[in-house]
Amino acid sequence: MNGAVTVNGREHELEPGETVERLLERLDLGVRYALVERNGDPVERAAYGSVELAPGDTVVVARPVAGG
């Protein structure tokens, strides 16, 4: 077992060496437009592919919505 992360309040199993980018892809959350916080700190979009997640991390994913 690799542990789990909490994403938007739901627990998800963590893959070995999983990055923010890979998690977003795996959960079909749209890497291109997603805004991510890891443990309360914002993650820059340019770093999604290099920021590795750890068991117990809390991730919040938001997708901006345009309106008028």
Protein backbone atom coordinates (compact mmCIF):
# COMPACT_ATOMS: atom_id res chain seq x y z
CA MET A 1 0.00 0.00 0.00
CA ASN A 2 1.34 3.41 -0.96
CA GLY A 3 -0.89 5.52 1.25
CA ALA A 4 -3.52 8.00 0.26
CA VAL A 5 -4.10 11.68 -0.32
CA THR A 6 -7.27 13.64 0.27
CA VAL A 7 -8.53 15.48 -2.81
CA ASN A 8 -11.42 17.89 -2.31
CA GLY A 9 -12.46 15.99 0.80
CA ARG A 10 -12.30 12.49 -0.73
CA GLU A 11 -9.53 9.98 -0.13
CA HIS A 12 -7.65 8.61 -3.15
CA GLU A 13 -4.97 5.95 -3.23
CA LEU A 14 -1.55 7.37 -4.05
CA GLU A 15 0.65 5.84 -6.75
CA PRO A 16 4.43 5.60 -6.19
CA GLY A 17 6.15 8.88 -7.13
CA GLU A 18 2.86 10.47 -8.11
CA THR A 19 3.02 14.14 -9.03
CA VAL A 20 0.26 16.73 -8.93
CA GLU A 21 0.06 16.54 -12.73
CA ARG A 22 -0.30 12.75 -12.79
CA LEU A 23 -2.96 12.83 -10.06
CA LEU A 24 -5.00 15.42 -11.98
CA GLU A 25 -4.74 13.35 -15.16
CA ARG A 26 -5.65 10.12 -13.39
CA LEU A 27 -8.70 11.71 -11.76
CA ASP A 28 -9.64 13.47 -15.01
CA LEU A 29 -9.58 16.88 -13.34
CA GLY A 30 -8.14 18.86 -16.26
CA VAL A 31 -4.51 19.80 -15.71
CA ARG A 32 -4.67 22.78 -18.05
CA TYR A 33 -7.19 24.84 -16.08
CA ALA A 34 -6.97 23.41 -12.57
CA LEU A 35 -5.82 25.54 -9.66
CA VAL A 36 -4.19 23.44 -6.94
CA GLU A 37 -3.34 23.84 -3.27
CA ARG A 38 -1.29 21.21 -1.47
CA ASN A 39 -1.50 21.26 2.31
CA GLY A 40 -2.82 24.83 2.17
CA ASP A 41 -0.07 26.18 -0.10
CA PRO A 42 -0.68 27.05 -3.76
CA VAL A 43 1.19 24.98 -6.34
CA GLU A 44 2.34 26.85 -9.43
CA ARG A 45 1.02 25.31 -12.64
CA ALA A 46 4.58 25.09 -14.03
CA ALA A 47 5.50 22.83 -11.07
CA TYR A 48 2.62 20.34 -11.37
CA GLY A 49 4.90 17.81 -13.10
CA SER A 50 7.65 18.05 -10.49
CA VAL A 51 5.76 18.32 -7.18
CA GLU A 52 5.51 14.81 -5.74
CA LEU A 53 2.68 14.01 -3.38
CA ALA A 54 3.13 12.20 -0.08
CA PRO A 55 0.75 10.02 1.92
CA GLY A 56 -1.48 12.20 4.07
CA ASP A 57 -1.30 15.25 1.80
CA THR A 58 -4.45 17.31 1.41
CA VAL A 59 -5.04 18.60 -2.10
CA VAL A 60 -7.68 21.13 -3.11
CA VAL A 61 -8.43 21.39 -6.81
CA ALA A 62 -10.51 24.25 -8.18
CA ARG A 63 -11.47 25.00 -11.73
CA PRO A 64 -12.15 28.63 -12.58
CA VAL A 65 -15.59 29.36 -13.97
CA ALA A 66 -16.16 32.24 -16.34
CA GLY A 67 -19.36 34.13 -16.08
CA GLY A 68 -20.85 37.43 -16.69
